[in-house]
Amino acid sequence: MQGLRGLAWLLAMQSLGELLSRGLALPFPGPVIGMLLLLLALRWAPVREPVAACARFLLSHLSLLFVPVGVGVMTHLGLLNQYGVRMLLVIVLSTWIGLAVTALTLRYFQKPSDA
């Protein structure tokens, strides 16, 4: 029963975030606002304990969430054979570019330790 209460809290926070995002025309997605609201609500024990029970349940069954992805890959195996090397190259390059931009941005915004 605690897990269901936790799921209800998760869905309520996401829905509230969606309402705030759309109602106030905020530039952030509703689920992001909902996560921030959930972060604030987790300080309160009646929210924290059911959400923890729900999180334990979801994490124990996390591998089930990968089944649809595996089925999709097997279904489109021909496309993977045709474009697999290109996709791998794009994934590797975009990851390296993202890491480089992050590192350069961090370096730019860090204050020099000599001053």
PDB file of N, CA and C in Angstrom:
ATOM      1  N   MET A   1       0.815  -1.202   0.000  1.00  0.00           N
ATOM      2  CA  MET A   1       0.000   0.000   0.000  1.00  0.00           C
ATOM      3  C   MET A   1       0.858   1.266   0.000  1.00  0.00           C
ATOM      4  N   GLN A   2       2.009   1.196   0.703  1.00  0.00           N
ATOM      5  CA  GLN A   2       2.904   2.352   0.727  1.00  0.00           C
ATOM      6  C   GLN A   2       3.408   2.677  -0.678  1.00  0.00           C
ATOM      7  N   GLY A   3       3.712   1.615  -1.451  1.00  0.00           N
ATOM      8  CA  GLY A   3       4.204   1.822  -2.806  1.00  0.00           C
ATOM      9  C   GLY A   3       3.198   2.552  -3.678  1.00  0.00           C
ATOM     10  N   LEU A   4       1.920   2.223  -3.513  1.00  0.00           N
ATOM     11  CA  LEU A   4       0.882   2.902  -4.282  1.00  0.00           C
ATOM     12  C   LEU A   4       0.747   4.364  -3.884  1.00  0.00           C
ATOM     13  N   ARG A   5       0.879   4.615  -2.588  1.00  0.00           N
ATOM     14  CA  ARG A   5       0.859   6.016  -2.137  1.00  0.00           C
ATOM     15  C   ARG A   5       2.043   6.783  -2.727  1.00  0.00           C
ATOM     16  N   GLY A   6       3.197   6.123  -2.760  1.00  0.00           N
ATOM     17  CA  GLY A   6       4.378   6.761  -3.341  1.00  0.00           C
ATOM     18  C   GLY A   6       4.191   7.053  -4.816  1.00  0.00           C
ATOM     19  N   LEU A   7       3.596   6.084  -5.547  1.00  0.00           N
ATOM     20  CA  LEU A   7       3.325   6.306  -6.965  1.00  0.00           C
ATOM     21  C   LEU A   7       2.333   7.452  -7.147  1.00  0.00           C
ATOM     22  N   ALA A   8       1.350   7.518  -6.258  1.00  0.00           N
ATOM     23  CA  ALA A   8       0.383   8.618  -6.323  1.00  0.00           C
ATOM     24  C   ALA A   8       1.081   9.957  -6.099  1.00  0.00           C
ATOM     25  N   TRP A   9       2.032  10.013  -5.165  1.00  0.00           N
ATOM     26  CA  TRP A   9       2.779  11.250  -4.944  1.00  0.00           C
ATOM     27  C   TRP A   9       3.600  11.626  -6.180  1.00  0.00           C
ATOM     28  N   LEU A  10       4.250  10.625  -6.778  1.00  0.00           N
ATOM     29  CA  LEU A  10       5.048  10.898  -7.968  1.00  0.00           C
ATOM     30  C   LEU A  10       4.179  11.453  -9.101  1.00  0.00           C
ATOM     31  N   LEU A  11       3.047  10.814  -9.329  1.00  0.00           N
ATOM     32  CA  LEU A  11       2.152  11.268 -10.393  1.00  0.00           C
ATOM     33  C   LEU A  11       1.526  12.626 -10.073  1.00  0.00           C
ATOM     34  N   ALA A  12       1.222  12.847  -8.802  1.00  0.00           N
ATOM     35  CA  ALA A  12       0.641  14.134  -8.403  1.00  0.00           C
ATOM     36  C   ALA A  12       1.635  15.266  -8.620  1.00  0.00           C
ATOM     37  N   MET A  13       2.898  15.038  -8.262  1.00  0.00           N
ATOM     38  CA  MET A  13       3.909  16.081  -8.450  1.00  0.00           C
ATOM     39  C   MET A  13       4.150  16.354  -9.931  1.00  0.00           C
ATOM     40  N   GLN A  14       4.162  15.292 -10.743  1.00  0.00           N
ATOM     41  CA  GLN A  14       4.335  15.502 -12.178  1.00  0.00           C
ATOM     42  C   GLN A  14       3.144  16.259 -12.764  1.00  0.00           C
ATOM     43  N   SER A  15       1.955  15.901 -12.338  1.00  0.00           N
ATOM     44  CA  SER A  15       0.761  16.586 -12.837  1.00  0.00           C
ATOM     45  C   SER A  15       0.746  18.048 -12.401  1.00  0.00           C
ATOM     46  N   LEU A  16       1.121  18.298 -11.166  1.00  0.00           N
ATOM     47  CA  LEU A  16       1.180  19.674 -10.678  1.00  0.00           C
ATOM     48  C   LEU A  16       2.227  20.480 -11.453  1.00  0.00           C
ATOM     49  N   GLY A  17       3.351  19.831 -11.743  1.00  0.00           N
ATOM     50  CA  GLY A  17       4.374  20.494 -12.548  1.00  0.00           C
ATOM     51  C   GLY A  17       3.864  20.824 -13.946  1.00  0.00           C
ATOM     52  N   GLU A  18       3.109  19.887 -14.547  1.00  0.00           N
ATOM     53  CA  GLU A  18       2.517  20.144 -15.871  1.00  0.00           C
ATOM     54  C   GLU A  18       1.528  21.310 -15.808  1.00  0.00           C
ATOM     55  N   LEU A  19       0.706  21.311 -14.778  1.00  0.00           N
ATOM     56  CA  LEU A  19      -0.265  22.406 -14.638  1.00  0.00           C
ATOM     57  C   LEU A  19       0.425  23.747 -14.492  1.00  0.00           C
ATOM     58  N   LEU A  20       1.473  23.787 -13.663  1.00  0.00           N
ATOM     59  CA  LEU A  20       2.197  25.044 -13.475  1.00  0.00           C
ATOM     60  C   LEU A  20       2.901  25.468 -14.765  1.00  0.00           C
ATOM     61  N   SER A  21       3.510  24.504 -15.438  1.00  0.00           N
ATOM     62  CA  SER A  21       4.240  24.817 -16.659  1.00  0.00           C
ATOM     63  C   SER A  21       3.323  25.367 -17.743  1.00  0.00           C
ATOM     64  N   ARG A  22       2.204  24.717 -17.932  1.00  0.00           N
ATOM     65  CA  ARG A  22       1.284  25.152 -18.990  1.00  0.00           C
ATOM     66  C   ARG A  22       0.458  26.359 -18.559  1.00  0.00           C
ATOM     67  N   GLY A  23       0.029  26.368 -17.308  1.00  0.00           N
ATOM     68  CA  GLY A  23      -0.821  27.459 -16.835  1.00  0.00           C
ATOM     69  C   GLY A  23      -0.107  28.785 -16.738  1.00  0.00           C
ATOM     70  N   LEU A  24       1.168  28.741 -16.348  1.00  0.00           N
ATOM     71  CA  LEU A  24       1.940  29.973 -16.204  1.00  0.00           C
ATOM     72  C   LEU A  24       2.848  30.226 -17.401  1.00  0.00           C
ATOM     73  N   ALA A  25       2.756  29.372 -18.426  1.00  0.00           N
ATOM     74  CA  ALA A  25       3.587  29.469 -19.633  1.00  0.00           C
ATOM     75  C   ALA A  25       5.065  29.574 -19.270  1.00  0.00           C
ATOM     76  N   LEU A  26       5.503  28.673 -18.393  1.00  0.00           N
ATOM     77  CA  LEU A  26       6.904  28.656 -17.972  1.00  0.00           C
ATOM     78  C   LEU A  26       7.763  28.005 -19.046  1.00  0.00           C
ATOM     79  N   PRO A  27       9.030  28.392 -19.131  1.00  0.00           N
ATOM     80  CA  PRO A  27       9.896  27.826 -20.179  1.00  0.00           C
ATOM     81  C   PRO A  27      10.478  26.460 -19.825  1.00  0.00           C
ATOM     82  N   PHE A  28      10.012  25.851 -18.747  1.00  0.00           N
ATOM     83  CA  PHE A  28      10.518  24.549 -18.319  1.00  0.00           C
ATOM     84  C   PHE A  28       9.457  23.482 -18.523  1.00  0.00           C
ATOM     85  N   PRO A  29       9.870  22.259 -18.842  1.00  0.00           N
ATOM     86  CA  PRO A  29       8.894  21.178 -18.990  1.00  0.00           C
ATOM     87  C   PRO A  29       8.236  20.852 -17.650  1.00  0.00           C
ATOM     88  N   GLY A  30       7.004  20.422 -17.724  1.00  0.00           N
ATOM     89  CA  GLY A  30       6.254  20.080 -16.514  1.00  0.00           C
ATOM     90  C   GLY A  30       6.925  19.041 -15.634  1.00  0.00           C
ATOM     91  N   PRO A  31       7.475  17.949 -16.206  1.00  0.00           N
ATOM     92  CA  PRO A  31       8.130  16.961 -15.348  1.00  0.00           C
ATOM     93  C   PRO A  31       9.328  17.512 -14.580  1.00  0.00           C
ATOM     94  N   VAL A  32      10.034  18.478 -15.157  1.00  0.00           N
ATOM     95  CA  VAL A  32      11.166  19.081 -14.444  1.00  0.00           C
ATOM     96  C   VAL A  32      10.656  19.884 -13.246  1.00  0.00           C
ATOM     97  N   ILE A  33       9.615  20.643 -13.449  1.00  0.00           N
ATOM     98  CA  ILE A  33       9.017  21.394 -12.343  1.00  0.00           C
ATOM     99  C   ILE A  33       8.473  20.426 -11.296  1.00  0.00           C
ATOM    100  N   GLY A  34       7.859  19.342 -11.759  1.00  0.00           N
ATOM    101  CA  GLY A  34       7.360  18.331 -10.837  1.00  0.00           C
ATOM    102  C   GLY A  34       8.468  17.703 -10.012  1.00  0.00           C
ATOM    103  N   MET A  35       9.629  17.473 -10.631  1.00  0.00           N
ATOM    104  CA  MET A  35      10.757  16.916  -9.880  1.00  0.00           C
ATOM    105  C   MET A  35      11.250  17.899  -8.827  1.00  0.00           C
ATOM    106  N   LEU A  36      11.263  19.182  -9.158  1.00  0.00           N
ATOM    107  CA  LEU A  36      11.664  20.179  -8.167  1.00  0.00           C
ATOM    108  C   LEU A  36      10.665  20.236  -7.012  1.00  0.00           C
ATOM    109  N   LEU A  37       9.384  20.146  -7.345  1.00  0.00           N
ATOM    110  CA  LEU A  37       8.366  20.115  -6.289  1.00  0.00           C
ATOM    111  C   LEU A  37       8.518  18.864  -5.430  1.00  0.00           C
ATOM    112  N   LEU A  38       8.818  17.738  -6.071  1.00  0.00           N
ATOM    113  CA  LEU A  38       9.023  16.498  -5.324  1.00  0.00           C
ATOM    114  C   LEU A  38      10.241  16.612  -4.416  1.00  0.00           C
ATOM    115  N   LEU A  39      11.291  17.258  -4.911  1.00  0.00           N
ATOM    116  CA  LEU A  39      12.487  17.450  -4.086  1.00  0.00           C
ATOM    117  C   LEU A  39      12.150  18.228  -2.817  1.00  0.00           C
ATOM    118  N   LEU A  40      11.324  19.254  -2.955  1.00  0.00           N
ATOM    119  CA  LEU A  40      10.900  20.016  -1.775  1.00  0.00           C
ATOM    120  C   LEU A  40       9.994  19.175  -0.875  1.00  0.00           C
ATOM    121  N   ALA A  41       9.106  18.395  -1.488  1.00  0.00           N
ATOM    122  CA  ALA A  41       8.154  17.604  -0.708  1.00  0.00           C
ATOM    123  C   ALA A  41       8.828  16.442   0.022  1.00  0.00           C
ATOM    124  N   LEU A  42       9.989  15.986  -0.457  1.00  0.00           N
ATOM    125  CA  LEU A  42      10.663  14.853   0.181  1.00  0.00           C
ATOM    126  C   LEU A  42      11.223  15.200   1.562  1.00  0.00           C
ATOM    127  N   ARG A  43      11.203  16.447   1.922  1.00  0.00           N
ATOM    128  CA  ARG A  43      11.612  16.831   3.284  1.00  0.00           C
ATOM    129  C   ARG A  43      10.551  16.448   4.313  1.00  0.00           C
ATOM    130  N   TRP A  44       9.366  16.149   3.839  1.00  0.00           N
ATOM    131  CA  TRP A  44       8.225  15.836   4.691  1.00  0.00           C
ATOM    132  C   TRP A  44       8.084  14.319   4.758  1.00  0.00           C
ATOM    133  N   ALA A  45       8.110  13.737   5.960  1.00  0.00           N
ATOM    134  CA  ALA A  45       8.102  12.280   6.141  1.00  0.00           C
ATOM    135  C   ALA A  45       6.882  11.590   5.513  1.00  0.00           C
ATOM    136  N   PRO A  46       5.668  12.154   5.584  1.00  0.00           N
ATOM    137  CA  PRO A  46       4.536  11.470   4.950  1.00  0.00           C
ATOM    138  C   PRO A  46       4.665  11.347   3.427  1.00  0.00           C
ATOM    139  N   VAL A  47       5.545  12.119   2.825  1.00  0.00           N
ATOM    140  CA  VAL A  47       5.809  11.981   1.388  1.00  0.00           C
ATOM    141  C   VAL A  47       7.022  11.085   1.177  1.00  0.00           C
ATOM    142  N   ARG A  48       8.053  11.289   1.983  1.00  0.00           N
ATOM    143  CA  ARG A  48       9.324  10.590   1.808  1.00  0.00           C
ATOM    144  C   ARG A  48       9.192   9.074   1.930  1.00  0.00           C
ATOM    145  N   GLU A  49       8.474   8.587   2.930  1.00  0.00           N
ATOM    146  CA  GLU A  49       8.400   7.145   3.166  1.00  0.00           C
ATOM    147  C   GLU A  49       7.654   6.395   2.061  1.00  0.00           C
ATOM    148  N   PRO A  50       6.482   6.852   1.616  1.00  0.00           N
ATOM    149  CA  PRO A  50       5.838   6.142   0.504  1.00  0.00           C
ATOM    150  C   PRO A  50       6.622   6.226  -0.812  1.00  0.00           C
ATOM    151  N   VAL A  51       7.253   7.368  -1.071  1.00  0.00           N
ATOM    152  CA  VAL A  51       8.039   7.503  -2.296  1.00  0.00           C
ATOM    153  C   VAL A  51       9.242   6.570  -2.243  1.00  0.00           C
ATOM    154  N   ALA A  52       9.845   6.404  -1.068  1.00  0.00           N
ATOM    155  CA  ALA A  52      10.968   5.472  -0.923  1.00  0.00           C
ATOM    156  C   ALA A  52      10.523   4.039  -1.203  1.00  0.00           C
ATOM    157  N   ALA A  53       9.340   3.671  -0.727  1.00  0.00           N
ATOM    158  CA  ALA A  53       8.823   2.323  -0.986  1.00  0.00           C
ATOM    159  C   ALA A  53       8.572   2.124  -2.477  1.00  0.00           C
ATOM    160  N   CYS A  54       8.013   3.110  -3.120  1.00  0.00           N
ATOM    161  CA  CYS A  54       7.764   3.038  -4.569  1.00  0.00           C
ATOM    162  C   CYS A  54       9.086   2.973  -5.332  1.00  0.00           C
ATOM    163  N   ALA A  55      10.067   3.756  -4.920  1.00  0.00           N
ATOM    164  CA  ALA A  55      11.365   3.762  -5.591  1.00  0.00           C
ATOM    165  C   ALA A  55      12.053   2.409  -5.453  1.00  0.00           C
ATOM    166  N   ARG A  56      11.976   1.791  -4.269  1.00  0.00           N
ATOM    167  CA  ARG A  56      12.559   0.458  -4.091  1.00  0.00           C
ATOM    168  C   ARG A  56      11.928  -0.547  -5.041  1.00  0.00           C
ATOM    169  N   PHE A  57      10.592  -0.487  -5.163  1.00  0.00           N
ATOM    170  CA  PHE A  57       9.888  -1.402  -6.056  1.00  0.00           C
ATOM    171  C   PHE A  57      10.303  -1.179  -7.502  1.00  0.00           C
ATOM    172  N   LEU A  58      10.320   0.084  -7.940  1.00  0.00           N
ATOM    173  CA  LEU A  58      10.676   0.387  -9.326  1.00  0.00           C
ATOM    174  C   LEU A  58      12.120  -0.004  -9.632  1.00  0.00           C
ATOM    175  N   LEU A  59      13.025   0.241  -8.702  1.00  0.00           N
ATOM    176  CA  LEU A  59      14.420  -0.114  -8.925  1.00  0.00           C
ATOM    177  C   LEU A  59      14.634  -1.617  -8.954  1.00  0.00           C
ATOM    178  N   SER A  60      13.838  -2.360  -8.190  1.00  0.00           N
ATOM    179  CA  SER A  60      13.982  -3.819  -8.200  1.00  0.00           C
ATOM    180  C   SER A  60      13.501  -4.422  -9.515  1.00  0.00           C
ATOM    181  N   HIS A  61      12.675  -3.696 -10.255  1.00  0.00           N
ATOM    182  CA  HIS A  61      12.155  -4.177 -11.537  1.00  0.00           C
ATOM    183  C   HIS A  61      12.665  -3.335 -12.710  1.00  0.00           C
ATOM    184  N   LEU A  62      13.773  -2.664 -12.517  1.00  0.00           N
ATOM    185  CA  LEU A  62      14.302  -1.770 -13.542  1.00  0.00           C
ATOM    186  C   LEU A  62      14.650  -2.502 -14.832  1.00  0.00           C
ATOM    187  N   SER A  63      15.107  -3.738 -14.720  1.00  0.00           N
ATOM    188  CA  SER A  63      15.505  -4.476 -15.925  1.00  0.00           C
ATOM    189  C   SER A  63      14.335  -4.695 -16.879  1.00  0.00           C
ATOM    190  N   LEU A  64      13.113  -4.714 -16.359  1.00  0.00           N
ATOM    191  CA  LEU A  64      11.949  -4.887 -17.228  1.00  0.00           C
ATOM    192  C   LEU A  64      11.759  -3.717 -18.178  1.00  0.00           C
ATOM    193  N   LEU A  65      12.253  -2.559 -17.800  1.00  0.00           N
ATOM    194  CA  LEU A  65      12.103  -1.381 -18.648  1.00  0.00           C
ATOM    195  C   LEU A  65      12.976  -1.461 -19.902  1.00  0.00           C
ATOM    196  N   PHE A  66      13.968  -2.362 -19.897  1.00  0.00           N
ATOM    197  CA  PHE A  66      14.838  -2.504 -21.055  1.00  0.00           C
ATOM    198  C   PHE A  66      14.293  -3.499 -22.069  1.00  0.00           C
ATOM    199  N   VAL A  67      13.249  -4.242 -21.734  1.00  0.00           N
ATOM    200  CA  VAL A  67      12.677  -5.222 -22.657  1.00  0.00           C
ATOM    201  C   VAL A  67      12.145  -4.550 -23.925  1.00  0.00           C
ATOM    202  N   PRO A  68      11.361  -3.462 -23.851  1.00  0.00           N
ATOM    203  CA  PRO A  68      10.889  -2.836 -25.092  1.00  0.00           C
ATOM    204  C   PRO A  68      12.025  -2.348 -25.986  1.00  0.00           C
ATOM    205  N   VAL A  69      13.100  -1.865 -25.393  1.00  0.00           N
ATOM    206  CA  VAL A  69      14.240  -1.407 -26.187  1.00  0.00           C
ATOM    207  C   VAL A  69      14.875  -2.587 -26.912  1.00  0.00           C
ATOM    208  N   GLY A  70      15.034  -3.685 -26.213  1.00  0.00           N
ATOM    209  CA  GLY A  70      15.603  -4.884 -26.838  1.00  0.00           C
ATOM    210  C   GLY A  70      14.737  -5.402 -27.972  1.00  0.00           C
ATOM    211  N   VAL A  71      13.429  -5.385 -27.776  1.00  0.00           N
ATOM    212  CA  VAL A  71      12.507  -5.819 -28.828  1.00  0.00           C
ATOM    213  C   VAL A  71      12.600  -4.876 -30.025  1.00  0.00           C
ATOM    214  N   GLY A  72      12.699  -3.578 -29.768  1.00  0.00           N
ATOM    215  CA  GLY A  72      12.828  -2.611 -30.855  1.00  0.00           C
ATOM    216  C   GLY A  72      14.103  -2.818 -31.651  1.00  0.00           C
ATOM    217  N   VAL A  73      15.199  -3.102 -30.962  1.00  0.00           N
ATOM    218  CA  VAL A  73      16.464  -3.351 -31.658  1.00  0.00           C
ATOM    219  C   VAL A  73      16.346  -4.608 -32.504  1.00  0.00           C
ATOM    220  N   MET A  74      15.756  -5.663 -31.960  1.00  0.00           N
ATOM    221  CA  MET A  74      15.611  -6.909 -32.720  1.00  0.00           C
ATOM    222  C   MET A  74      14.669  -6.719 -33.911  1.00  0.00           C
ATOM    223  N   THR A  75      13.647  -5.902 -33.746  1.00  0.00           N
ATOM    224  CA  THR A  75      12.699  -5.663 -34.834  1.00  0.00           C
ATOM    225  C   THR A  75      13.358  -4.908 -35.984  1.00  0.00           C
ATOM    226  N   HIS A  76      14.227  -3.986 -35.671  1.00  0.00           N
ATOM    227  CA  HIS A  76      14.864  -3.146 -36.689  1.00  0.00           C
ATOM    228  C   HIS A  76      16.326  -3.513 -36.882  1.00  0.00           C
ATOM    229  N   LEU A  77      16.627  -4.787 -36.789  1.00  0.00           N
ATOM    230  CA  LEU A  77      18.000  -5.253 -36.920  1.00  0.00           C
ATOM    231  C   LEU A  77      18.575  -4.934 -38.304  1.00  0.00           C
ATOM    232  N   GLY A  78      17.729  -4.929 -39.326  1.00  0.00           N
ATOM    233  CA  GLY A  78      18.185  -4.575 -40.670  1.00  0.00           C
ATOM    234  C   GLY A  78      18.714  -3.158 -40.737  1.00  0.00           C
ATOM    235  N   LEU A  79      18.004  -2.244 -40.089  1.00  0.00           N
ATOM    236  CA  LEU A  79      18.475  -0.851 -40.053  1.00  0.00           C
ATOM    237  C   LEU A  79      19.786  -0.738 -39.293  1.00  0.00           C
ATOM    238  N   LEU A  80      19.914  -1.536 -38.235  1.00  0.00           N
ATOM    239  CA  LEU A  80      21.145  -1.516 -37.455  1.00  0.00           C
ATOM    240  C   LEU A  80      22.315  -2.037 -38.285  1.00  0.00           C
ATOM    241  N   ASN A  81      22.053  -3.072 -39.093  1.00  0.00           N
ATOM    242  CA  ASN A  81      23.099  -3.570 -39.988  1.00  0.00           C
ATOM    243  C   ASN A  81      23.478  -2.524 -41.032  1.00  0.00           C
ATOM    244  N   GLN A  82      22.495  -1.800 -41.516  1.00  0.00           N
ATOM    245  CA  GLN A  82      22.733  -0.815 -42.570  1.00  0.00           C
ATOM    246  C   GLN A  82      23.408   0.452 -42.040  1.00  0.00           C
ATOM    247  N   TYR A  83      22.948   0.951 -40.901  1.00  0.00           N
ATOM    248  CA  TYR A  83      23.433   2.238 -40.376  1.00  0.00           C
ATOM    249  C   TYR A  83      24.195   2.123 -39.060  1.00  0.00           C
ATOM    250  N   GLY A  84      24.488   0.924 -38.613  1.00  0.00           N
ATOM    251  CA  GLY A  84      25.088   0.722 -37.290  1.00  0.00           C
ATOM    252  C   GLY A  84      26.403   1.437 -37.083  1.00  0.00           C
ATOM    253  N   VAL A  85      27.302   1.345 -38.075  1.00  0.00           N
ATOM    254  CA  VAL A  85      28.617   1.979 -37.936  1.00  0.00           C
ATOM    255  C   VAL A  85      28.471   3.495 -37.888  1.00  0.00           C
ATOM    256  N   ARG A  86      27.593   4.038 -38.733  1.00  0.00           N
ATOM    257  CA  ARG A  86      27.363   5.491 -38.727  1.00  0.00           C
ATOM    258  C   ARG A  86      26.759   5.943 -37.399  1.00  0.00           C
ATOM    259  N   MET A  87      25.800   5.167 -36.902  1.00  0.00           N
ATOM    260  CA  MET A  87      25.180   5.526 -35.625  1.00  0.00           C
ATOM    261  C   MET A  87      26.199   5.481 -34.502  1.00  0.00           C
ATOM    262  N   LEU A  88      27.047   4.466 -34.479  1.00  0.00           N
ATOM    263  CA  LEU A  88      28.082   4.365 -33.452  1.00  0.00           C
ATOM    264  C   LEU A  88      29.033   5.552 -33.533  1.00  0.00           C
ATOM    265  N   LEU A  89      29.412   5.927 -34.748  1.00  0.00           N
ATOM    266  CA  LEU A  89      30.302   7.064 -34.933  1.00  0.00           C
ATOM    267  C   LEU A  89      29.654   8.360 -34.431  1.00  0.00           C
ATOM    268  N   VAL A  90      28.399   8.567 -34.757  1.00  0.00           N
ATOM    269  CA  VAL A  90      27.696   9.769 -34.316  1.00  0.00           C
ATOM    270  C   VAL A  90      27.575   9.781 -32.792  1.00  0.00           C
ATOM    271  N   ILE A  91      27.261   8.649 -32.192  1.00  0.00           N
ATOM    272  CA  ILE A  91      27.133   8.588 -30.724  1.00  0.00           C
ATOM    273  C   ILE A  91      28.469   8.906 -30.063  1.00  0.00           C
ATOM    274  N   VAL A  92      29.547   8.298 -30.554  1.00  0.00           N
ATOM    275  CA  VAL A  92      30.867   8.535 -29.954  1.00  0.00           C
ATOM    276  C   VAL A  92      31.289   9.989 -30.134  1.00  0.00           C
ATOM    277  N   LEU A  93      31.146  10.515 -31.347  1.00  0.00           N
ATOM    278  CA  LEU A  93      31.543  11.908 -31.590  1.00  0.00           C
ATOM    279  C   LEU A  93      30.717  12.904 -30.781  1.00  0.00           C
ATOM    280  N   SER A  94      29.409  12.692 -30.730  1.00  0.00           N
ATOM    281  CA  SER A  94      28.577  13.634 -29.978  1.00  0.00           C
ATOM    282  C   SER A  94      28.876  13.558 -28.479  1.00  0.00           C
ATOM    283  N   THR A  95      29.210  12.376 -27.988  1.00  0.00           N
ATOM    284  CA  THR A  95      29.586  12.258 -26.577  1.00  0.00           C
ATOM    285  C   THR A  95      30.878  13.016 -26.304  1.00  0.00           C
ATOM    286  N   TRP A  96      31.872  12.832 -27.165  1.00  0.00           N
ATOM    287  CA  TRP A  96      33.143  13.533 -26.981  1.00  0.00           C
ATOM    288  C   TRP A  96      32.976  15.050 -27.114  1.00  0.00           C
ATOM    289  N   ILE A  97      32.162  15.491 -28.053  1.00  0.00           N
ATOM    290  CA  ILE A  97      31.919  16.931 -28.210  1.00  0.00           C
ATOM    291  C   ILE A  97      31.224  17.485 -26.966  1.00  0.00           C
ATOM    292  N   GLY A  98      30.245  16.754 -26.456  1.00  0.00           N
ATOM    293  CA  GLY A  98      29.559  17.186 -25.236  1.00  0.00           C
ATOM    294  C   GLY A  98      30.497  17.271 -24.048  1.00  0.00           C
ATOM    295  N   LEU A  99      31.380  16.273 -23.910  1.00  0.00           N
ATOM    296  CA  LEU A  99      32.365  16.304 -22.823  1.00  0.00           C
ATOM    297  C   LEU A  99      33.330  17.478 -22.987  1.00  0.00           C
ATOM    298  N   ALA A 100      33.771  17.723 -24.211  1.00  0.00           N
ATOM    299  CA  ALA A 100      34.713  18.824 -24.450  1.00  0.00           C
ATOM    300  C   ALA A 100      34.066  20.168 -24.160  1.00  0.00           C
ATOM    301  N   VAL A 101      32.834  20.364 -24.604  1.00  0.00           N
ATOM    302  CA  VAL A 101      32.142  21.630 -24.347  1.00  0.00           C
ATOM    303  C   VAL A 101      31.937  21.821 -22.847  1.00  0.00           C
ATOM    304  N   THR A 102      31.577  20.753 -22.158  1.00  0.00           N
ATOM    305  CA  THR A 102      31.396  20.844 -20.708  1.00  0.00           C
ATOM    306  C   THR A 102      32.700  21.208 -20.014  1.00  0.00           C
ATOM    307  N   ALA A 103      33.790  20.553 -20.392  1.00  0.00           N
ATOM    308  CA  ALA A 103      35.091  20.835 -19.779  1.00  0.00           C
ATOM    309  C   ALA A 103      35.539  22.262 -20.067  1.00  0.00           C
ATOM    310  N   LEU A 104      35.374  22.709 -21.308  1.00  0.00           N
ATOM    311  CA  LEU A 104      35.770  24.076 -21.643  1.00  0.00           C
ATOM    312  C   LEU A 104      34.906  25.115 -20.937  1.00  0.00           C
ATOM    313  N   THR A 105      33.626  24.837 -20.800  1.00  0.00           N
ATOM    314  CA  THR A 105      32.739  25.748 -20.075  1.00  0.00           C
ATOM    315  C   THR A 105      33.126  25.810 -18.604  1.00  0.00           C
ATOM    316  N   LEU A 106      33.424  24.658 -18.017  1.00  0.00           N
ATOM    317  CA  LEU A 106      33.848  24.626 -16.617  1.00  0.00           C
ATOM    318  C   LEU A 106      35.140  25.408 -16.440  1.00  0.00           C
ATOM    319  N   ARG A 107      36.073  25.202 -17.341  1.00  0.00           N
ATOM    320  CA  ARG A 107      37.358  25.918 -17.250  1.00  0.00           C
ATOM    321  C   ARG A 107      37.136  27.434 -17.382  1.00  0.00           C
ATOM    322  N   TYR A 108      36.233  27.821 -18.271  1.00  0.00           N
ATOM    323  CA  TYR A 108      35.968  29.245 -18.479  1.00  0.00           C
ATOM    324  C   TYR A 108      35.371  29.893 -17.234  1.00  0.00           C
ATOM    325  N   PHE A 109      34.462  29.180 -16.564  1.00  0.00           N
ATOM    326  CA  PHE A 109      33.781  29.767 -15.429  1.00  0.00           C
ATOM    327  C   PHE A 109      34.507  29.586 -14.100  1.00  0.00           C
ATOM    328  N   GLN A 110      35.528  28.767 -14.059  1.00  0.00           N
ATOM    329  CA  GLN A 110      36.281  28.604 -12.826  1.00  0.00           C
ATOM    330  C   GLN A 110      37.122  29.849 -12.573  1.00  0.00           C
ATOM    331  N   LYS A 111      37.181  30.217 -11.324  1.00  0.00           N
ATOM    332  CA  LYS A 111      38.001  31.366 -10.962  1.00  0.00           C
ATOM    333  C   LYS A 111      39.444  30.886 -10.800  1.00  0.00           C
ATOM    334  N   PRO A 112      40.377  31.682 -11.236  1.00  0.00           N
ATOM    335  CA  PRO A 112      41.780  31.281 -11.075  1.00  0.00           C
ATOM    336  C   PRO A 112      42.125  31.171  -9.590  1.00  0.00           C
ATOM    337  N   SER A 113      42.870  30.122  -9.229  1.00  0.00           N
ATOM    338  CA  SER A 113      43.220  29.927  -7.829  1.00  0.00           C
ATOM    339  C   SER A 113      44.402  30.802  -7.416  1.00  0.00           C
ATOM    340  N   ASP A 114      45.086  31.418  -8.383  1.00  0.00           N
ATOM    341  CA  ASP A 114      46.235  32.285  -8.049  1.00  0.00           C
ATOM    342  C   ASP A 114      45.802  33.623  -7.477  1.00  0.00           C
ATOM    343  N   ALA A 115      44.643  34.100  -7.822  1.00  0.00           N
ATOM    344  CA  ALA A 115      44.215  35.441  -7.429  1.00  0.00           C
ATOM    345  C   ALA A 115      43.730  35.520  -6.016  1.00  0.00           C
TER     346      ALA A 115
END
